[in-house]
Amino acid sequence: MFDPMHTAPRPDSDALAAQRAQARKRLNRAWFAFLMAGVASMAAMFWALQSQWESDQLKGWFLVTALALFYELRIFKQALPLMRLPDEEALADRIDGGVALTLAAGLGYALLAGLLMVPQPAGALGWLATALTLAALFADAWAEKRVREGDALVGGGHLAREFRALGALVITVVGIHYGKLPSWLLAVGFMEYLILFTASWMARQGAKVSAVGIRTRTIFLLNYLAVAGASMAPIFHPDVAAVISVMTGAVYGLMALRDWLKLSGAGREKAS
C-alpha cells in the first residue's frame, strides 16, 4: 500500500542527482556543438555571399543572424533540464534524433533571419531563401513525426514549438521583404508566438495548459510555410506567389485563431 509519508531513501535521491549532473554535462556538449555548427554555417554563408552585398548590408545580415542564433541558443539552454522521457525523472544523456532534427531546422531559420537585411541575391543564389526554408521545414516535419509517434523528449517538444514559432515569423517576414507575400500575412506569422505567450501567461496564473490543437495546427503551419518558402523562388511572379501563399496562410491563420480563442477561453474560465 502506498504510504503518503514515505520518501525515497537518500541514496536513491543522491544517485538521481548524480545521474542528472552527469547527463547535464553531456547535454552541454550538445549545446556547444550547436553553437559551433551555427558559427560554421554563418562563416560559410558569409564566404559564399560576400560578393553579392555591400559591407553595410553584410553587417546587417551578420547582426540579425547572430541575434537569431543567440536566441535559439538561449532557448536550447532552457530546454536542457527537460531532456527526459515523459514518465521518467532521469535526464537523457544525449539528445535524440528528433531534437537533432529540430536543431537543424532552427539553424536554417536563424540563417534565414539575416536575409531580411539584404536584397535577394542574383542568379542561382536567388534560390537561397527557398532552399533554406524547405530544408529547415523538412527537418522540422520529420521531428514532428517523431513527436506524434510518442518517441520524443519533453525538452525536444518545447524546443520544437519555440523554434517553429521563430521559423513562422522569419519565413513570413523574408517573403514580405522579397515582395512575394502581402504585408498583412505578418499577422499570420505572429500567431504561433501569440499562442505561446498566452500559454505562458496562463501557466503563470496557475491554469493547467494543454496542447490545444497543436498537432493538426502544425501540419497546416508547415504546409503554409512550405508554400511561402517555395514562392520566394525567382521563377514565381509576385502575384502568383501572393495568391498561393494567401490561400494556405489564411487556412492556417483561421485554425491558429480558433486554437488561441480556445486557449484564452480556458484561461478566463480558470480566472473566474
C-alpha atoms as a PDB file:
ATOM      1  CA  MET A   1       0.000   0.000   0.000  1.00  0.00           C
ATOM      2  CA  PHE A   2       1.281   3.477  -0.839  1.00  0.00           C
ATOM      3  CA  ASP A   3       2.321   5.493   2.203  1.00  0.00           C
ATOM      4  CA  PRO A   4       1.952   9.252   1.530  1.00  0.00           C
ATOM      5  CA  MET A   5       4.513   9.964   4.246  1.00  0.00           C
ATOM      6  CA  HIS A   6       7.060   7.689   2.685  1.00  0.00           C
ATOM      7  CA  THR A   7      10.032   9.330   0.978  1.00  0.00           C
ATOM      8  CA  ALA A   8      12.605   7.686  -1.223  1.00  0.00           C
ATOM      9  CA  PRO A   9      15.816   6.643   0.506  1.00  0.00           C
ATOM     10  CA  ARG A  10      18.543   9.240   0.417  1.00  0.00           C
ATOM     11  CA  PRO A  11      20.928   7.123  -1.658  1.00  0.00           C
ATOM     12  CA  ASP A  12      18.339   6.968  -4.461  1.00  0.00           C
ATOM     13  CA  SER A  13      17.995  10.748  -4.397  1.00  0.00           C
ATOM     14  CA  ASP A  14      21.747  11.130  -4.456  1.00  0.00           C
ATOM     15  CA  ALA A  15      22.023   8.659  -7.316  1.00  0.00           C
ATOM     16  CA  LEU A  16      19.390  10.554  -9.323  1.00  0.00           C
ATOM     17  CA  ALA A  17      21.132  13.872  -8.660  1.00  0.00           C
ATOM     18  CA  ALA A  18      24.451  12.382  -9.735  1.00  0.00           C
ATOM     19  CA  GLN A  19      22.901  10.936 -12.888  1.00  0.00           C
ATOM     20  CA  ARG A  20      21.311  14.254 -13.798  1.00  0.00           C
ATOM     21  CA  ALA A  21      24.572  16.121 -13.218  1.00  0.00           C
ATOM     22  CA  GLN A  22      26.475  13.703 -15.442  1.00  0.00           C
ATOM     23  CA  ALA A  23      23.794  13.816 -18.122  1.00  0.00           C
ATOM     24  CA  ARG A  24      23.743  17.617 -17.992  1.00  0.00           C
ATOM     25  CA  LYS A  25      27.465  17.695 -18.779  1.00  0.00           C
ATOM     26  CA  ARG A  26      26.884  15.630 -21.896  1.00  0.00           C
ATOM     27  CA  LEU A  27      23.898  17.729 -22.909  1.00  0.00           C
ATOM     28  CA  ASN A  28      26.023  20.855 -22.502  1.00  0.00           C
ATOM     29  CA  ARG A  29      28.352  19.374 -25.108  1.00  0.00           C
ATOM     30  CA  ALA A  30      25.398  19.132 -27.495  1.00  0.00           C
ATOM     31  CA  TRP A  31      24.652  22.801 -26.806  1.00  0.00           C
ATOM     32  CA  PHE A  32      28.259  23.711 -27.591  1.00  0.00           C
ATOM     33  CA  ALA A  33      28.153  21.610 -30.774  1.00  0.00           C
ATOM     34  CA  PHE A  34      25.064  23.551 -31.881  1.00  0.00           C
ATOM     35  CA  LEU A  35      26.912  26.795 -31.218  1.00  0.00           C
ATOM     36  CA  MET A  36      29.858  25.631 -33.329  1.00  0.00           C
ATOM     37  CA  ALA A  37      27.532  24.484 -36.124  1.00  0.00           C
ATOM     38  CA  GLY A  38      25.898  27.905 -36.122  1.00  0.00           C
ATOM     39  CA  VAL A  39      29.220  29.749 -36.280  1.00  0.00           C
ATOM     40  CA  ALA A  40      30.493  27.490 -39.067  1.00  0.00           C
ATOM     41  CA  SER A  41      27.277  27.922 -41.072  1.00  0.00           C
ATOM     42  CA  MET A  42      27.418  31.699 -40.729  1.00  0.00           C
ATOM     43  CA  ALA A  43      31.051  31.719 -41.864  1.00  0.00           C
ATOM     44  CA  ALA A  44      30.258  29.549 -44.888  1.00  0.00           C
ATOM     45  CA  MET A  45      27.290  31.713 -45.866  1.00  0.00           C
ATOM     46  CA  PHE A  46      29.348  34.888 -45.449  1.00  0.00           C
ATOM     47  CA  TRP A  47      32.073  33.490 -47.704  1.00  0.00           C
ATOM     48  CA  ALA A  48      29.543  32.468 -50.367  1.00  0.00           C
ATOM     49  CA  LEU A  49      27.618  35.745 -50.413  1.00  0.00           C
ATOM     50  CA  GLN A  50      30.145  38.473 -49.627  1.00  0.00           C
ATOM     51  CA  SER A  51      30.464  39.385 -53.309  1.00  0.00           C
ATOM     52  CA  GLN A  52      26.687  39.865 -53.616  1.00  0.00           C
ATOM     53  CA  TRP A  53      26.244  42.564 -50.992  1.00  0.00           C
ATOM     54  CA  GLU A  54      27.830  45.792 -49.801  1.00  0.00           C
ATOM     55  CA  SER A  55      29.682  45.985 -46.489  1.00  0.00           C
ATOM     56  CA  ASP A  56      26.794  47.697 -44.658  1.00  0.00           C
ATOM     57  CA  GLN A  57      24.392  45.033 -45.877  1.00  0.00           C
ATOM     58  CA  LEU A  58      26.754  42.288 -44.734  1.00  0.00           C
ATOM     59  CA  LYS A  59      26.967  43.866 -41.291  1.00  0.00           C
ATOM     60  CA  GLY A  60      23.184  43.940 -41.040  1.00  0.00           C
ATOM     61  CA  TRP A  61      22.959  40.319 -42.180  1.00  0.00           C
ATOM     62  CA  PHE A  62      25.582  39.258 -39.643  1.00  0.00           C
ATOM     63  CA  LEU A  63      23.916  41.119 -36.759  1.00  0.00           C
ATOM     64  CA  VAL A  64      20.404  39.744 -37.352  1.00  0.00           C
ATOM     65  CA  THR A  65      21.641  36.197 -37.976  1.00  0.00           C
ATOM     66  CA  ALA A  66      23.778  36.308 -34.832  1.00  0.00           C
ATOM     67  CA  LEU A  67      20.829  37.596 -32.770  1.00  0.00           C
ATOM     68  CA  ALA A  68      18.588  34.804 -34.071  1.00  0.00           C
ATOM     69  CA  LEU A  69      21.257  32.215 -33.280  1.00  0.00           C
ATOM     70  CA  PHE A  70      21.771  33.678 -29.787  1.00  0.00           C
ATOM     71  CA  TYR A  71      18.013  33.498 -29.172  1.00  0.00           C
ATOM     72  CA  GLU A  72      17.958  29.843 -30.220  1.00  0.00           C
ATOM     73  CA  LEU A  73      20.963  29.033 -28.046  1.00  0.00           C
ATOM     74  CA  ARG A  74      19.171  30.584 -25.079  1.00  0.00           C
ATOM     75  CA  ILE A  75      16.020  28.544 -25.754  1.00  0.00           C
ATOM     76  CA  PHE A  76      18.104  25.375 -26.129  1.00  0.00           C
ATOM     77  CA  LYS A  77      19.850  26.087 -22.817  1.00  0.00           C
ATOM     78  CA  GLN A  78      16.491  26.482 -21.074  1.00  0.00           C
ATOM     79  CA  ALA A  79      15.286  23.180 -22.544  1.00  0.00           C
ATOM     80  CA  LEU A  80      18.270  21.118 -21.336  1.00  0.00           C
ATOM     81  CA  PRO A  81      16.780  20.333 -17.872  1.00  0.00           C
ATOM     82  CA  LEU A  82      13.704  18.946 -19.671  1.00  0.00           C
ATOM     83  CA  MET A  83      15.582  16.460 -21.837  1.00  0.00           C
ATOM     84  CA  ARG A  84      13.888  13.387 -20.395  1.00  0.00           C
ATOM     85  CA  LEU A  85      11.150  10.977 -21.372  1.00  0.00           C
ATOM     86  CA  PRO A  86       7.660  11.972 -20.147  1.00  0.00           C
ATOM     87  CA  ASP A  87       7.403   9.275 -17.466  1.00  0.00           C
ATOM     88  CA  GLU A  88      10.984   9.410 -16.212  1.00  0.00           C
ATOM     89  CA  GLU A  89      12.880  11.676 -13.828  1.00  0.00           C
ATOM     90  CA  ALA A  90      16.333  10.800 -15.112  1.00  0.00           C
ATOM     91  CA  LEU A  91      17.769  13.067 -17.778  1.00  0.00           C
ATOM     92  CA  ALA A  92      18.704  11.621 -21.132  1.00  0.00           C
ATOM     93  CA  ASP A  93      22.469  11.575 -21.504  1.00  0.00           C
ATOM     94  CA  ARG A  94      22.284  12.717 -25.116  1.00  0.00           C
ATOM     95  CA  ILE A  95      19.847  14.391 -27.468  1.00  0.00           C
ATOM     96  CA  ASP A  96      17.758  12.079 -29.618  1.00  0.00           C
ATOM     97  CA  GLY A  97      17.201  12.180 -33.354  1.00  0.00           C
ATOM     98  CA  GLY A  98      14.111  14.347 -33.020  1.00  0.00           C
ATOM     99  CA  VAL A  99      15.986  17.036 -31.097  1.00  0.00           C
ATOM    100  CA  ALA A 100      18.837  16.901 -33.619  1.00  0.00           C
ATOM    101  CA  LEU A 101      16.347  17.476 -36.442  1.00  0.00           C
ATOM    102  CA  THR A 102      14.767  20.361 -34.530  1.00  0.00           C
ATOM    103  CA  LEU A 103      18.199  21.936 -34.073  1.00  0.00           C
ATOM    104  CA  ALA A 104      18.882  21.561 -37.799  1.00  0.00           C
ATOM    105  CA  ALA A 105      15.591  23.301 -38.543  1.00  0.00           C
ATOM    106  CA  GLY A 106      16.426  26.049 -36.063  1.00  0.00           C
ATOM    107  CA  LEU A 107      19.782  26.631 -37.712  1.00  0.00           C
ATOM    108  CA  GLY A 108      18.033  27.073 -41.048  1.00  0.00           C
ATOM    109  CA  TYR A 109      15.598  29.572 -39.519  1.00  0.00           C
ATOM    110  CA  ALA A 110      18.468  31.573 -37.991  1.00  0.00           C
ATOM    111  CA  LEU A 111      20.291  31.776 -41.328  1.00  0.00           C
ATOM    112  CA  LEU A 112      17.062  32.882 -42.993  1.00  0.00           C
ATOM    113  CA  ALA A 113      16.569  35.698 -40.482  1.00  0.00           C
ATOM    114  CA  GLY A 114      19.601  37.602 -41.730  1.00  0.00           C
ATOM    115  CA  LEU A 115      18.201  37.721 -45.268  1.00  0.00           C
ATOM    116  CA  LEU A 116      15.780  40.387 -44.036  1.00  0.00           C
ATOM    117  CA  MET A 117      18.680  42.867 -44.095  1.00  0.00           C
ATOM    118  CA  VAL A 118      19.867  42.230 -47.657  1.00  0.00           C
ATOM    119  CA  PRO A 119      18.347  42.163 -51.156  1.00  0.00           C
ATOM    120  CA  GLN A 120      17.622  38.848 -52.818  1.00  0.00           C
ATOM    121  CA  PRO A 121      20.850  37.543 -54.409  1.00  0.00           C
ATOM    122  CA  ALA A 122      21.096  37.339 -58.170  1.00  0.00           C
ATOM    123  CA  GLY A 123      21.456  34.208 -60.266  1.00  0.00           C
ATOM    124  CA  ALA A 124      21.450  30.762 -58.712  1.00  0.00           C
ATOM    125  CA  LEU A 125      21.857  32.252 -55.237  1.00  0.00           C
ATOM    126  CA  GLY A 126      18.396  33.746 -55.640  1.00  0.00           C
ATOM    127  CA  TRP A 127      17.138  30.304 -54.660  1.00  0.00           C
ATOM    128  CA  LEU A 128      18.898  30.503 -51.294  1.00  0.00           C
ATOM    129  CA  ALA A 129      15.846  31.513 -49.235  1.00  0.00           C
ATOM    130  CA  THR A 130      13.740  28.781 -50.816  1.00  0.00           C
ATOM    131  CA  ALA A 131      16.429  26.147 -50.271  1.00  0.00           C
ATOM    132  CA  LEU A 132      16.973  27.128 -46.629  1.00  0.00           C
ATOM    133  CA  THR A 133      13.231  27.202 -45.964  1.00  0.00           C
ATOM    134  CA  LEU A 134      12.467  23.808 -47.481  1.00  0.00           C
ATOM    135  CA  ALA A 135      15.487  22.157 -45.831  1.00  0.00           C
ATOM    136  CA  ALA A 136      14.511  23.555 -42.425  1.00  0.00           C
ATOM    137  CA  LEU A 137      10.874  22.534 -42.865  1.00  0.00           C
ATOM    138  CA  PHE A 138      11.851  19.007 -43.906  1.00  0.00           C
ATOM    139  CA  ALA A 139      13.837  18.625 -40.685  1.00  0.00           C
ATOM    140  CA  ASP A 140      11.010  20.214 -38.681  1.00  0.00           C
ATOM    141  CA  ALA A 141       8.364  17.925 -40.198  1.00  0.00           C
ATOM    142  CA  TRP A 142      10.473  14.819 -39.557  1.00  0.00           C
ATOM    143  CA  ALA A 143      10.966  15.867 -35.942  1.00  0.00           C
ATOM    144  CA  GLU A 144       7.213  16.430 -35.593  1.00  0.00           C
ATOM    145  CA  LYS A 145       6.614  12.903 -36.906  1.00  0.00           C
ATOM    146  CA  ARG A 146       8.717  11.544 -34.052  1.00  0.00           C
ATOM    147  CA  VAL A 147       6.688  13.593 -31.569  1.00  0.00           C
ATOM    148  CA  ARG A 148       3.413  12.181 -32.939  1.00  0.00           C
ATOM    149  CA  GLU A 149       4.785   8.664 -32.534  1.00  0.00           C
ATOM    150  CA  GLY A 150       5.425   9.374 -28.832  1.00  0.00           C
ATOM    151  CA  ASP A 151       9.170   8.900 -29.169  1.00  0.00           C
ATOM    152  CA  ALA A 152      10.323  12.342 -28.058  1.00  0.00           C
ATOM    153  CA  LEU A 153      11.968  14.009 -25.088  1.00  0.00           C
ATOM    154  CA  VAL A 154       9.946  16.594 -23.167  1.00  0.00           C
ATOM    155  CA  GLY A 155      12.577  19.242 -23.852  1.00  0.00           C
ATOM    156  CA  GLY A 156      12.512  18.367 -27.537  1.00  0.00           C
ATOM    157  CA  GLY A 157       8.829  19.248 -27.785  1.00  0.00           C
ATOM    158  CA  HIS A 158       9.440  22.566 -26.007  1.00  0.00           C
ATOM    159  CA  LEU A 159      12.325  23.321 -28.354  1.00  0.00           C
ATOM    160  CA  ALA A 160      10.304  22.439 -31.456  1.00  0.00           C
ATOM    161  CA  ARG A 161       7.432  24.778 -30.531  1.00  0.00           C
ATOM    162  CA  GLU A 162       9.762  27.716 -29.844  1.00  0.00           C
ATOM    163  CA  PHE A 163      11.841  27.206 -32.989  1.00  0.00           C
ATOM    164  CA  ARG A 164       8.750  26.696 -35.133  1.00  0.00           C
ATOM    165  CA  ALA A 165       7.291  29.986 -33.907  1.00  0.00           C
ATOM    166  CA  LEU A 166      10.526  31.721 -34.891  1.00  0.00           C
ATOM    167  CA  GLY A 167      10.506  29.988 -38.269  1.00  0.00           C
ATOM    168  CA  ALA A 168       6.924  31.041 -38.987  1.00  0.00           C
ATOM    169  CA  LEU A 169       7.762  34.672 -38.281  1.00  0.00           C
ATOM    170  CA  VAL A 170      11.081  34.676 -40.136  1.00  0.00           C
ATOM    171  CA  ILE A 171       9.797  32.987 -43.297  1.00  0.00           C
ATOM    172  CA  THR A 172       6.799  35.319 -43.458  1.00  0.00           C
ATOM    173  CA  VAL A 173       8.896  38.452 -42.927  1.00  0.00           C
ATOM    174  CA  VAL A 174      11.503  37.448 -45.523  1.00  0.00           C
ATOM    175  CA  GLY A 175       8.722  36.674 -48.012  1.00  0.00           C
ATOM    176  CA  ILE A 176       7.268  40.146 -47.440  1.00  0.00           C
ATOM    177  CA  HIS A 177      10.745  41.664 -47.769  1.00  0.00           C
ATOM    178  CA  TYR A 178      11.217  39.932 -51.133  1.00  0.00           C
ATOM    179  CA  GLY A 179       7.882  41.303 -52.318  1.00  0.00           C
ATOM    180  CA  LYS A 180       6.331  37.848 -52.653  1.00  0.00           C
ATOM    181  CA  LEU A 181       3.882  37.950 -49.734  1.00  0.00           C
ATOM    182  CA  PRO A 182       1.320  40.626 -48.778  1.00  0.00           C
ATOM    183  CA  SER A 183       2.238  42.546 -45.643  1.00  0.00           C
ATOM    184  CA  TRP A 184      -0.937  41.539 -43.772  1.00  0.00           C
ATOM    185  CA  LEU A 185       0.375  37.961 -43.597  1.00  0.00           C
ATOM    186  CA  LEU A 186       2.672  39.279 -40.872  1.00  0.00           C
ATOM    187  CA  ALA A 187      -0.264  38.732 -38.503  1.00  0.00           C
ATOM    188  CA  VAL A 188      -0.273  35.068 -39.545  1.00  0.00           C
ATOM    189  CA  GLY A 189       3.465  34.863 -38.925  1.00  0.00           C
ATOM    190  CA  PHE A 190       2.944  36.037 -35.338  1.00  0.00           C
ATOM    191  CA  MET A 191       0.189  33.535 -34.487  1.00  0.00           C
ATOM    192  CA  GLU A 192       2.436  30.829 -33.007  1.00  0.00           C
ATOM    193  CA  TYR A 193       4.096  33.388 -30.731  1.00  0.00           C
ATOM    194  CA  LEU A 194       0.667  34.669 -29.677  1.00  0.00           C
ATOM    195  CA  ILE A 195      -0.323  31.135 -28.672  1.00  0.00           C
ATOM    196  CA  LEU A 196       2.990  30.536 -26.871  1.00  0.00           C
ATOM    197  CA  PHE A 197       2.784  33.821 -24.956  1.00  0.00           C
ATOM    198  CA  THR A 198      -0.840  33.147 -23.984  1.00  0.00           C
ATOM    199  CA  ALA A 199       0.011  29.638 -22.766  1.00  0.00           C
ATOM    200  CA  SER A 200       2.961  31.012 -20.781  1.00  0.00           C
ATOM    201  CA  TRP A 201       0.795  33.694 -19.172  1.00  0.00           C
ATOM    202  CA  MET A 202      -1.852  31.129 -18.254  1.00  0.00           C
ATOM    203  CA  ALA A 203       0.754  28.855 -16.689  1.00  0.00           C
ATOM    204  CA  ARG A 204       1.977  31.755 -14.531  1.00  0.00           C
ATOM    205  CA  GLN A 205      -1.624  32.304 -13.407  1.00  0.00           C
ATOM    206  CA  GLY A 206      -1.810  28.705 -12.249  1.00  0.00           C
ATOM    207  CA  ALA A 207      -4.017  27.415 -15.062  1.00  0.00           C
ATOM    208  CA  LYS A 208      -3.463  23.954 -16.473  1.00  0.00           C
ATOM    209  CA  VAL A 209      -2.336  24.443 -20.066  1.00  0.00           C
ATOM    210  CA  SER A 210      -2.982  21.723 -22.622  1.00  0.00           C
ATOM    211  CA  ALA A 211      -1.550  21.470 -26.114  1.00  0.00           C
ATOM    212  CA  VAL A 212      -4.688  22.782 -27.818  1.00  0.00           C
ATOM    213  CA  GLY A 213      -4.871  21.512 -31.405  1.00  0.00           C
ATOM    214  CA  ILE A 214      -1.109  21.595 -31.740  1.00  0.00           C
ATOM    215  CA  ARG A 215      -0.653  18.566 -33.985  1.00  0.00           C
ATOM    216  CA  THR A 216      -3.307  19.468 -36.548  1.00  0.00           C
ATOM    217  CA  ARG A 217      -2.294  23.123 -36.486  1.00  0.00           C
ATOM    218  CA  THR A 218       1.352  22.198 -37.016  1.00  0.00           C
ATOM    219  CA  ILE A 219       0.505  20.302 -40.201  1.00  0.00           C
ATOM    220  CA  PHE A 220      -1.265  23.342 -41.663  1.00  0.00           C
ATOM    221  CA  LEU A 221       1.505  25.663 -40.474  1.00  0.00           C
ATOM    222  CA  LEU A 222       4.228  23.606 -42.153  1.00  0.00           C
ATOM    223  CA  ASN A 223       2.118  23.474 -45.305  1.00  0.00           C
ATOM    224  CA  TYR A 224       1.774  27.274 -45.337  1.00  0.00           C
ATOM    225  CA  LEU A 225       5.482  27.795 -44.690  1.00  0.00           C
ATOM    226  CA  ALA A 226       6.468  25.351 -47.438  1.00  0.00           C
ATOM    227  CA  VAL A 227       4.293  27.222 -49.928  1.00  0.00           C
ATOM    228  CA  ALA A 228       5.628  30.585 -48.713  1.00  0.00           C
ATOM    229  CA  GLY A 229       9.208  29.340 -48.987  1.00  0.00           C
ATOM    230  CA  ALA A 230       8.685  27.930 -52.469  1.00  0.00           C
ATOM    231  CA  SER A 231       7.046  31.179 -53.587  1.00  0.00           C
ATOM    232  CA  MET A 232      10.278  33.052 -52.810  1.00  0.00           C
ATOM    233  CA  ALA A 233      11.960  31.261 -55.722  1.00  0.00           C
ATOM    234  CA  PRO A 234      12.853  33.620 -58.601  1.00  0.00           C
ATOM    235  CA  ILE A 235      10.621  31.735 -61.055  1.00  0.00           C
ATOM    236  CA  PHE A 236       7.413  32.774 -59.256  1.00  0.00           C
ATOM    237  CA  HIS A 237       5.781  36.047 -60.235  1.00  0.00           C
ATOM    238  CA  PRO A 238       4.887  38.089 -57.119  1.00  0.00           C
ATOM    239  CA  ASP A 239       1.156  37.949 -57.924  1.00  0.00           C
ATOM    240  CA  VAL A 240       1.173  34.161 -58.242  1.00  0.00           C
ATOM    241  CA  ALA A 241       3.268  33.812 -55.087  1.00  0.00           C
ATOM    242  CA  ALA A 242       0.873  36.042 -53.162  1.00  0.00           C
ATOM    243  CA  VAL A 243      -2.221  34.102 -54.223  1.00  0.00           C
ATOM    244  CA  ILE A 244      -0.955  30.640 -53.288  1.00  0.00           C
ATOM    245  CA  SER A 245       0.582  31.875 -50.040  1.00  0.00           C
ATOM    246  CA  VAL A 246      -2.577  33.715 -49.018  1.00  0.00           C
ATOM    247  CA  MET A 247      -4.726  30.623 -49.568  1.00  0.00           C
ATOM    248  CA  THR A 248      -2.610  28.384 -47.349  1.00  0.00           C
ATOM    249  CA  GLY A 249      -1.800  31.161 -44.878  1.00  0.00           C
ATOM    250  CA  ALA A 250      -5.451  32.069 -44.382  1.00  0.00           C
ATOM    251  CA  VAL A 251      -6.397  28.453 -43.615  1.00  0.00           C
ATOM    252  CA  TYR A 252      -3.600  28.133 -41.072  1.00  0.00           C
ATOM    253  CA  GLY A 253      -4.359  31.573 -39.612  1.00  0.00           C
ATOM    254  CA  LEU A 254      -8.015  30.712 -39.014  1.00  0.00           C
ATOM    255  CA  MET A 255      -7.036  27.439 -37.369  1.00  0.00           C
ATOM    256  CA  ALA A 256      -4.477  29.192 -35.159  1.00  0.00           C
ATOM    257  CA  LEU A 257      -7.041  31.848 -34.225  1.00  0.00           C
ATOM    258  CA  ARG A 258      -9.504  29.117 -33.252  1.00  0.00           C
ATOM    259  CA  ASP A 259      -6.895  27.431 -31.052  1.00  0.00           C
ATOM    260  CA  TRP A 260      -5.932  30.736 -29.448  1.00  0.00           C
ATOM    261  CA  LEU A 261      -9.565  31.524 -28.645  1.00  0.00           C
ATOM    262  CA  LYS A 262      -9.974  28.087 -27.062  1.00  0.00           C
ATOM    263  CA  LEU A 263      -6.793  28.598 -25.059  1.00  0.00           C
ATOM    264  CA  SER A 264      -7.664  32.092 -23.853  1.00  0.00           C
ATOM    265  CA  GLY A 265     -11.228  30.976 -23.106  1.00  0.00           C
ATOM    266  CA  ALA A 266      -9.893  28.222 -20.856  1.00  0.00           C
ATOM    267  CA  GLY A 267      -7.772  30.836 -19.109  1.00  0.00           C
ATOM    268  CA  ARG A 268     -10.784  33.087 -18.460  1.00  0.00           C
ATOM    269  CA  GLU A 269     -12.748  30.156 -17.053  1.00  0.00           C
ATOM    270  CA  LYS A 270      -9.848  29.382 -14.719  1.00  0.00           C
ATOM    271  CA  ALA A 271      -9.645  33.021 -13.622  1.00  0.00           C
ATOM    272  CA  SER A 272     -13.353  33.147 -12.856  1.00  0.00           C
END
